[in-house]
PDB file of N, CA and C in Angstrom:
ATOM      1  N   MET A   1       0.779  -1.235  -0.018  1.00  0.00           N
ATOM      2  CA  MET A   1      -0.051   0.029   0.158  1.00  0.00           C
ATOM      3  C   MET A   1       0.994   1.177  -0.119  1.00  0.00           C
ATOM      4  N   THR A   2       0.544   2.196  -0.821  1.00  0.00           N
ATOM      5  CA  THR A   2       1.428   3.461  -0.950  1.00  0.00           C
ATOM      6  C   THR A   2       0.860   4.528  -0.109  1.00  0.00           C
ATOM      7  N   LEU A   3       1.849   5.574   0.271  1.00  0.00           N
ATOM      8  CA  LEU A   3       1.329   6.435   1.241  1.00  0.00           C
ATOM      9  C   LEU A   3       0.149   7.149   0.671  1.00  0.00           C
ATOM     10  N   ARG A   4       0.010   7.421  -0.815  1.00  0.00           N
ATOM     11  CA  ARG A   4      -1.059   8.118  -1.404  1.00  0.00           C
ATOM     12  C   ARG A   4      -2.246   7.333  -0.949  1.00  0.00           C
ATOM     13  N   GLU A   5      -2.381   6.171  -1.148  1.00  0.00           N
ATOM     14  CA  GLU A   5      -3.536   5.175  -0.825  1.00  0.00           C
ATOM     15  C   GLU A   5      -3.979   5.341   0.507  1.00  0.00           C
ATOM     16  N   GLU A   6      -3.053   5.398   1.387  1.00  0.00           N
ATOM     17  CA  GLU A   6      -3.257   5.301   2.802  1.00  0.00           C
ATOM     18  C   GLU A   6      -3.769   6.814   3.337  1.00  0.00           C
ATOM     19  N   LEU A   7      -3.343   7.788   2.657  1.00  0.00           N
ATOM     20  CA  LEU A   7      -3.911   9.203   2.901  1.00  0.00           C
ATOM     21  C   LEU A   7      -5.410   9.341   2.522  1.00  0.00           C
ATOM     22  N   PHE A   8      -5.501   8.727   1.134  1.00  0.00           N
ATOM     23  CA  PHE A   8      -6.894   8.904   0.773  1.00  0.00           C
ATOM     24  C   PHE A   8      -7.997   7.724   1.535  1.00  0.00           C
ATOM     25  N   LYS A   9      -7.535   6.879   2.026  1.00  0.00           N
ATOM     26  CA  LYS A   9      -8.254   5.870   2.866  1.00  0.00           C
ATOM     27  C   LYS A   9      -8.611   6.543   4.065  1.00  0.00           C
ATOM     28  N   HIS A  10      -7.560   7.364   4.875  1.00  0.00           N
ATOM     29  CA  HIS A  10      -7.692   7.886   6.081  1.00  0.00           C
ATOM     30  C   HIS A  10      -8.765   9.123   5.989  1.00  0.00           C
ATOM     31  N   ALA A  11      -8.637   9.863   4.858  1.00  0.00           N
ATOM     32  CA  ALA A  11      -9.639  10.973   4.467  1.00  0.00           C
ATOM     33  C   ALA A  11     -11.043  10.492   4.448  1.00  0.00           C
ATOM     34  N   ALA A  12     -11.333   9.438   3.639  1.00  0.00           N
ATOM     35  CA  ALA A  12     -12.555   8.776   3.411  1.00  0.00           C
ATOM     36  C   ALA A  12     -13.131   8.143   4.698  1.00  0.00           C
ATOM     37  N   ILE A  13     -12.287   7.581   5.642  1.00  0.00           N
ATOM     38  CA  ILE A  13     -12.773   6.849   6.824  1.00  0.00           C
ATOM     39  C   ILE A  13     -13.093   8.184   7.764  1.00  0.00           C
ATOM     40  N   LYS A  14     -12.212   9.334   7.887  1.00  0.00           N
ATOM     41  CA  LYS A  14     -12.618  10.350   8.561  1.00  0.00           C
ATOM     42  C   LYS A  14     -13.972  10.980   8.249  1.00  0.00           C
ATOM     43  N   GLY A  15     -14.005  11.221   6.862  1.00  0.00           N
ATOM     44  CA  GLY A  15     -15.142  11.845   6.363  1.00  0.00           C
ATOM     45  C   GLY A  15     -16.337  10.958   6.861  1.00  0.00           C
ATOM     46  N   ALA A  16     -16.474   9.866   6.420  1.00  0.00           N
ATOM     47  CA  ALA A  16     -17.481   8.732   6.917  1.00  0.00           C
ATOM     48  C   ALA A  16     -18.005   8.881   8.393  1.00  0.00           C
ATOM     49  N   GLU A  17     -16.740   8.845   9.130  1.00  0.00           N
ATOM     50  CA  GLU A  17     -17.105   8.969  10.653  1.00  0.00           C
ATOM     51  C   GLU A  17     -17.762  10.389  11.018  1.00  0.00           C
ATOM     52  N   THR A  18     -17.476  11.545  10.210  1.00  0.00           N
ATOM     53  CA  THR A  18     -18.172  12.783  10.457  1.00  0.00           C
ATOM     54  C   THR A  18     -19.514  12.813  10.114  1.00  0.00           C
ATOM     55  N   GLU A  19     -19.865  12.190   8.976  1.00  0.00           N
ATOM     56  CA  GLU A  19     -21.119  12.248   8.325  1.00  0.00           C
ATOM     57  C   GLU A  19     -22.066  11.268   9.342  1.00  0.00           C
ATOM     58  N   LEU A  20     -21.508  10.270   9.877  1.00  0.00           N
ATOM     59  CA  LEU A  20     -22.271   9.240  10.842  1.00  0.00           C
ATOM     60  C   LEU A  20     -22.593  10.136  12.168  1.00  0.00           C
ATOM     61  N   ARG A  21     -21.457  10.868  12.540  1.00  0.00           N
ATOM     62  CA  ARG A  21     -21.762  11.661  13.641  1.00  0.00           C
ATOM     63  C   ARG A  21     -22.850  12.652  13.492  1.00  0.00           C
ATOM     64  N   ASP A  22     -22.731  13.263  12.408  1.00  0.00           N
ATOM     65  CA  ASP A  22     -23.690  14.379  11.936  1.00  0.00           C
ATOM     66  C   ASP A  22     -25.137  13.620  11.880  1.00  0.00           C
ATOM     67  N   ALA A  23     -25.086  12.430  11.310  1.00  0.00           N
ATOM     68  CA  ALA A  23     -26.479  11.672  11.178  1.00  0.00           C
ATOM     69  C   ALA A  23     -27.045  11.336  12.395  1.00  0.00           C
ATOM     70  N   GLU A  24     -26.281  10.985  13.292  1.00  0.00           N
ATOM     71  CA  GLU A  24     -26.700  10.648  14.627  1.00  0.00           C
ATOM     72  C   GLU A  24     -27.521  11.822  15.450  1.00  0.00           C
ATOM     73  N   GLU A  25     -26.903  12.985  15.204  1.00  0.00           N
ATOM     74  CA  GLU A  25     -27.408  14.179  15.687  1.00  0.00           C
ATOM     75  C   GLU A  25     -28.758  14.577  15.073  1.00  0.00           C
ATOM     76  N   GLU A  26     -28.823  14.349  13.698  1.00  0.00           N
ATOM     77  CA  GLU A  26     -30.005  14.606  12.911  1.00  0.00           C
ATOM     78  C   GLU A  26     -31.030  13.551  13.072  1.00  0.00           C
ATOM     79  N   VAL A  27     -30.832  12.388  13.449  1.00  0.00           N
ATOM     80  CA  VAL A  27     -31.720  11.254  13.664  1.00  0.00           C
ATOM     81  C   VAL A  27     -32.876  11.613  14.704  1.00  0.00           C
ATOM     82  N   GLU A  28     -32.353  12.544  15.755  1.00  0.00           N
ATOM     83  CA  GLU A  28     -33.572  12.913  16.410  1.00  0.00           C
ATOM     84  C   GLU A  28     -34.777  13.527  15.893  1.00  0.00           C
ATOM     85  N   GLY A  29     -34.403  14.277  14.587  1.00  0.00           N
ATOM     86  CA  GLY A  29     -35.557  14.644  13.947  1.00  0.00           C
ATOM     87  C   GLY A  29     -36.125  13.540  12.836  1.00  0.00           C
ATOM     88  N   LEU A  30     -36.753  14.143  11.967  1.00  0.00           N
ATOM     89  CA  LEU A  30     -37.216  13.165  10.999  1.00  0.00           C
ATOM     90  C   LEU A  30     -35.951  12.713  10.021  1.00  0.00           C
ATOM     91  N   VAL A  31     -35.952  11.589   9.723  1.00  0.00           N
ATOM     92  CA  VAL A  31     -34.939  11.153   8.760  1.00  0.00           C
ATOM     93  C   VAL A  31     -35.441  11.331   7.121  1.00  0.00           C
ATOM     94  N   ASP A  32     -34.714  12.064   6.362  1.00  0.00           N
ATOM     95  CA  ASP A  32     -35.223  12.333   5.173  1.00  0.00           C
ATOM     96  C   ASP A  32     -34.085  11.793   3.844  1.00  0.00           C
ATOM     97  N   GLU A  33     -34.579  11.974   2.780  1.00  0.00           N
ATOM     98  CA  GLU A  33     -33.690  11.384   1.685  1.00  0.00           C
ATOM     99  C   GLU A  33     -32.323  11.988   1.742  1.00  0.00           C
ATOM    100  N   GLY A  34     -32.228  13.275   2.085  1.00  0.00           N
ATOM    101  CA  GLY A  34     -30.922  14.003   2.064  1.00  0.00           C
ATOM    102  C   GLY A  34     -29.914  13.247   3.071  1.00  0.00           C
ATOM    103  N   LEU A  35     -30.394  12.837   4.364  1.00  0.00           N
ATOM    104  CA  LEU A  35     -29.601  12.323   5.351  1.00  0.00           C
ATOM    105  C   LEU A  35     -29.174  10.853   4.923  1.00  0.00           C
ATOM    106  N   THR A  36     -30.157  10.164   4.279  1.00  0.00           N
ATOM    107  CA  THR A  36     -29.841   8.836   3.596  1.00  0.00           C
ATOM    108  C   THR A  36     -28.780   8.892   2.480  1.00  0.00           C
ATOM    109  N   TRP A  37     -28.923   9.875   1.602  1.00  0.00           N
ATOM    110  CA  TRP A  37     -28.006  10.156   0.654  1.00  0.00           C
ATOM    111  C   TRP A  37     -26.544  10.356   1.080  1.00  0.00           C
ATOM    112  N   ARG A  38     -26.504  11.178   2.004  1.00  0.00           N
ATOM    113  CA  ARG A  38     -25.193  11.591   2.855  1.00  0.00           C
ATOM    114  C   ARG A  38     -24.475  10.364   3.379  1.00  0.00           C
ATOM    115  N   ILE A  39     -25.342   9.655   4.029  1.00  0.00           N
ATOM    116  CA  ILE A  39     -24.593   8.442   4.536  1.00  0.00           C
ATOM    117  C   ILE A  39     -24.361   7.480   3.682  1.00  0.00           C
ATOM    118  N   GLN A  40     -25.023   7.357   2.461  1.00  0.00           N
ATOM    119  CA  GLN A  40     -24.649   6.489   1.379  1.00  0.00           C
ATOM    120  C   GLN A  40     -23.387   6.779   0.720  1.00  0.00           C
ATOM    121  N   GLN A  41     -23.327   8.161   0.557  1.00  0.00           N
ATOM    122  CA  GLN A  41     -22.078   8.755  -0.205  1.00  0.00           C
ATOM    123  C   GLN A  41     -20.779   8.559   0.734  1.00  0.00           C
ATOM    124  N   ALA A  42     -21.107   8.736   1.906  1.00  0.00           N
ATOM    125  CA  ALA A  42     -19.943   8.407   3.023  1.00  0.00           C
ATOM    126  C   ALA A  42     -19.500   7.073   2.900  1.00  0.00           C
ATOM    127  N   SER A  43     -20.406   6.167   2.931  1.00  0.00           N
ATOM    128  CA  SER A  43     -20.119   4.725   2.825  1.00  0.00           C
ATOM    129  C   SER A  43     -19.558   4.272   1.626  1.00  0.00           C
ATOM    130  N   GLU A  44     -19.919   4.782   0.380  1.00  0.00           N
ATOM    131  CA  GLU A  44     -19.175   4.589  -0.923  1.00  0.00           C
ATOM    132  C   GLU A  44     -17.824   4.976  -0.968  1.00  0.00           C
ATOM    133  N   ALA A  45     -17.623   6.319  -0.477  1.00  0.00           N
ATOM    134  CA  ALA A  45     -16.228   6.788  -0.373  1.00  0.00           C
ATOM    135  C   ALA A  45     -15.305   6.019   0.345  1.00  0.00           C
ATOM    136  N   ARG A  46     -15.939   5.571   1.649  1.00  0.00           N
ATOM    137  CA  ARG A  46     -15.035   4.694   2.346  1.00  0.00           C
ATOM    138  C   ARG A  46     -14.500   3.210   1.803  1.00  0.00           C
ATOM    139  N   ALA A  47     -15.692   2.737   1.174  1.00  0.00           N
ATOM    140  CA  ALA A  47     -15.424   1.535   0.566  1.00  0.00           C
ATOM    141  C   ALA A  47     -14.450   1.643  -0.569  1.00  0.00           C
ATOM    142  N   LYS A  48     -14.510   2.541  -1.460  1.00  0.00           N
ATOM    143  CA  LYS A  48     -13.761   2.954  -2.552  1.00  0.00           C
ATOM    144  C   LYS A  48     -12.212   3.153  -2.036  1.00  0.00           C
ATOM    145  N   ALA A  49     -12.268   3.884  -1.100  1.00  0.00           N
ATOM    146  CA  ALA A  49     -10.889   4.093  -0.580  1.00  0.00           C
ATOM    147  C   ALA A  49      -9.962   2.934   0.072  1.00  0.00           C
ATOM    148  N   THR A  50     -10.721   1.940   0.669  1.00  0.00           N
ATOM    149  CA  THR A  50     -10.222   0.837   1.052  1.00  0.00           C
ATOM    150  C   THR A  50      -9.754  -0.282  -0.230  1.00  0.00           C
ATOM    151  N   LYS A  51     -10.380   0.012  -1.205  1.00  0.00           N
ATOM    152  CA  LYS A  51     -10.116  -0.678  -2.501  1.00  0.00           C
ATOM    153  C   LYS A  51      -9.343  -0.015  -3.410  1.00  0.00           C
ATOM    154  N   ALA A  52      -8.707   1.281  -3.197  1.00  0.00           N
ATOM    155  CA  ALA A  52      -7.884   2.235  -4.117  1.00  0.00           C
ATOM    156  C   ALA A  52      -6.910   1.398  -4.515  1.00  0.00           C
ATOM    157  N   GLU A  53      -6.577   1.574  -6.053  1.00  0.00           N
ATOM    158  CA  GLU A  53      -5.453   1.128  -6.704  1.00  0.00           C
ATOM    159  C   GLU A  53      -4.750   2.279  -7.207  1.00  0.00           C
ATOM    160  N   VAL A  54      -3.358   2.170  -7.254  1.00  0.00           N
ATOM    161  CA  VAL A  54      -2.575   3.076  -7.881  1.00  0.00           C
ATOM    162  C   VAL A  54      -2.714   3.279  -9.380  1.00  0.00           C
ATOM    163  N   ASN A  55      -2.787   4.474  -9.969  1.00  0.00           N
ATOM    164  CA  ASN A  55      -2.904   4.682 -11.408  1.00  0.00           C
ATOM    165  C   ASN A  55      -1.647   4.982 -11.934  1.00  0.00           C
ATOM    166  N   PRO A  56      -0.812   4.232 -12.485  1.00  0.00           N
ATOM    167  CA  PRO A  56       0.364   4.529 -13.003  1.00  0.00           C
ATOM    168  C   PRO A  56       0.483   5.394 -13.913  1.00  0.00           C
ATOM    169  N   GLU A  57      -0.633   5.748 -14.846  1.00  0.00           N
ATOM    170  CA  GLU A  57      -0.604   6.881 -15.682  1.00  0.00           C
ATOM    171  C   GLU A  57      -0.800   8.167 -15.185  1.00  0.00           C
ATOM    172  N   ARG A  58      -0.806   8.321 -14.029  1.00  0.00           N
ATOM    173  CA  ARG A  58      -1.065   9.556 -13.305  1.00  0.00           C
ATOM    174  C   ARG A  58       0.247  10.089 -13.206  1.00  0.00           C
ATOM    175  N   ASP A  59       0.185  11.707 -13.315  1.00  0.00           N
ATOM    176  CA  ASP A  59       1.437  12.540 -13.416  1.00  0.00           C
ATOM    177  C   ASP A  59       1.917  12.629 -12.091  1.00  0.00           C
ATOM    178  N   ASP A  60       3.190  12.360 -11.823  1.00  0.00           N
ATOM    179  CA  ASP A  60       3.945  12.340 -10.665  1.00  0.00           C
ATOM    180  C   ASP A  60       3.650  13.734 -10.044  1.00  0.00           C
ATOM    181  N   HIS A  61       3.856  14.857 -10.866  1.00  0.00           N
ATOM    182  CA  HIS A  61       3.520  16.216 -10.101  1.00  0.00           C
ATOM    183  C   HIS A  61       2.133  16.246  -9.408  1.00  0.00           C
ATOM    184  N   GLU A  62       1.069  15.814 -10.179  1.00  0.00           N
ATOM    185  CA  GLU A  62      -0.223  15.567  -9.567  1.00  0.00           C
ATOM    186  C   GLU A  62      -0.258  14.719  -8.384  1.00  0.00           C
ATOM    187  N   ASP A  63       0.407  13.906  -8.347  1.00  0.00           N
ATOM    188  CA  ASP A  63       0.516  12.890  -7.058  1.00  0.00           C
ATOM    189  C   ASP A  63       1.064  13.615  -5.884  1.00  0.00           C
ATOM    190  N   ARG A  64       2.148  14.181  -6.295  1.00  0.00           N
ATOM    191  CA  ARG A  64       2.919  15.020  -5.094  1.00  0.00           C
ATOM    192  C   ARG A  64       2.021  16.054  -4.684  1.00  0.00           C
ATOM    193  N   GLU A  65       1.338  16.942  -5.351  1.00  0.00           N
ATOM    194  CA  GLU A  65       0.364  17.860  -4.990  1.00  0.00           C
ATOM    195  C   GLU A  65      -0.745  17.286  -4.215  1.00  0.00           C
ATOM    196  N   ASN A  66      -1.336  16.228  -4.632  1.00  0.00           N
ATOM    197  CA  ASN A  66      -2.496  15.690  -3.761  1.00  0.00           C
ATOM    198  C   ASN A  66      -1.744  15.284  -2.472  1.00  0.00           C
ATOM    199  N   LEU A  67      -0.578  14.565  -2.451  1.00  0.00           N
ATOM    200  CA  LEU A  67      -0.139  14.222  -1.286  1.00  0.00           C
ATOM    201  C   LEU A  67       0.291  15.278  -0.386  1.00  0.00           C
ATOM    202  N   SER A  68       0.672  16.357  -0.997  1.00  0.00           N
ATOM    203  CA  SER A  68       1.071  17.456  -0.010  1.00  0.00           C
ATOM    204  C   SER A  68      -0.302  18.059   0.576  1.00  0.00           C
ATOM    205  N   LEU A  69      -1.464  18.222  -0.252  1.00  0.00           N
ATOM    206  CA  LEU A  69      -2.587  18.750   0.397  1.00  0.00           C
ATOM    207  C   LEU A  69      -3.257  17.814   1.227  1.00  0.00           C
ATOM    208  N   ASN A  70      -3.225  16.497   1.019  1.00  0.00           N
ATOM    209  CA  ASN A  70      -3.877  15.656   2.081  1.00  0.00           C
ATOM    210  C   ASN A  70      -2.946  15.707   3.283  1.00  0.00           C
ATOM    211  N   LEU A  71      -1.679  15.541   3.299  1.00  0.00           N
ATOM    212  CA  LEU A  71      -0.875  15.658   4.371  1.00  0.00           C
ATOM    213  C   LEU A  71      -0.989  17.035   5.206  1.00  0.00           C
ATOM    214  N   GLN A  72      -1.288  18.193   4.496  1.00  0.00           N
ATOM    215  CA  GLN A  72      -1.469  19.315   5.316  1.00  0.00           C
ATOM    216  C   GLN A  72      -2.778  19.468   5.839  1.00  0.00           C
ATOM    217  N   LYS A  73      -3.843  18.694   5.177  1.00  0.00           N
ATOM    218  CA  LYS A  73      -5.021  18.658   5.929  1.00  0.00           C
ATOM    219  C   LYS A  73      -4.962  17.622   7.222  1.00  0.00           C
ATOM    220  N   MET A  74      -4.390  16.647   7.182  1.00  0.00           N
ATOM    221  CA  MET A  74      -4.246  15.856   8.257  1.00  0.00           C
ATOM    222  C   MET A  74      -3.481  16.608   9.446  1.00  0.00           C
ATOM    223  N   ILE A  75      -2.411  17.456   8.977  1.00  0.00           N
ATOM    224  CA  ILE A  75      -1.922  18.262  10.019  1.00  0.00           C
ATOM    225  C   ILE A  75      -2.657  19.231  10.685  1.00  0.00           C
ATOM    226  N   ASP A  76      -3.488  19.948   9.681  1.00  0.00           N
ATOM    227  CA  ASP A  76      -4.409  21.085   9.997  1.00  0.00           C
ATOM    228  C   ASP A  76      -5.482  20.393  11.040  1.00  0.00           C
ATOM    229  N   ASP A  77      -5.915  19.148  10.693  1.00  0.00           N
ATOM    230  CA  ASP A  77      -6.882  18.366  11.459  1.00  0.00           C
ATOM    231  C   ASP A  77      -6.484  17.950  12.835  1.00  0.00           C
ATOM    232  N   LYS A  78      -5.073  17.797  12.948  1.00  0.00           N
ATOM    233  CA  LYS A  78      -4.352  17.309  14.165  1.00  0.00           C
ATOM    234  C   LYS A  78      -4.757  15.839  14.544  1.00  0.00           C
ATOM    235  N   ILE A  79      -4.598  15.173  13.531  1.00  0.00           N
ATOM    236  CA  ILE A  79      -5.165  13.718  13.571  1.00  0.00           C
ATOM    237  C   ILE A  79      -4.488  12.837  14.539  1.00  0.00           C
ATOM    238  N   TRP A  80      -3.381  13.379  15.009  1.00  0.00           N
ATOM    239  CA  TRP A  80      -2.627  12.595  16.167  1.00  0.00           C
ATOM    240  C   TRP A  80      -3.237  12.927  17.693  1.00  0.00           C
ATOM    241  N   VAL A  81      -4.354  13.834  17.673  1.00  0.00           N
ATOM    242  CA  VAL A  81      -4.731  14.119  19.002  1.00  0.00           C
ATOM    243  C   VAL A  81      -6.071  13.268  19.107  1.00  0.00           C
ATOM    244  N   LYS A  82      -6.139  12.492  20.192  1.00  0.00           N
ATOM    245  CA  LYS A  82      -7.474  11.737  20.406  1.00  0.00           C
ATOM    246  C   LYS A  82      -8.533  12.754  20.623  1.00  0.00           C
ATOM    247  N   LYS A  83      -9.755  12.506  19.932  1.00  0.00           N
ATOM    248  CA  LYS A  83     -10.744  13.473  20.152  1.00  0.00           C
ATOM    249  C   LYS A  83     -11.891  13.120  21.305  1.00  0.00           C
ATOM    250  N   LYS A  84     -12.275  13.900  21.801  1.00  0.00           N
ATOM    251  CA  LYS A  84     -13.137  13.607  23.056  1.00  0.00           C
ATOM    252  C   LYS A  84     -14.618  13.231  22.526  1.00  0.00           C
ATOM    253  N   THR A  85     -15.169  12.232  23.033  1.00  0.00           N
ATOM    254  CA  THR A  85     -16.558  11.860  22.520  1.00  0.00           C
ATOM    255  C   THR A  85     -17.555  12.083  23.478  1.00  0.00           C
TER     256      THR A  85
END
């Protein structure tokens, strides 16, 4: 597994966790199609990320740029800090 794949997987998992947490808060109200759609999208992104494959035709510059952006996002999100629940 490459660093790029791991970064995408991490971002998808974190996004899915955020959507599920938001959904839990909204479930107290009426569940609508928008909530269902968001949960489905988060689940699909998570599944896709865990099955990600490297695209060898992709430009190295683009890979570096995406890696840099994802790394900066993880730094900004302070992923090493345990979140209080």
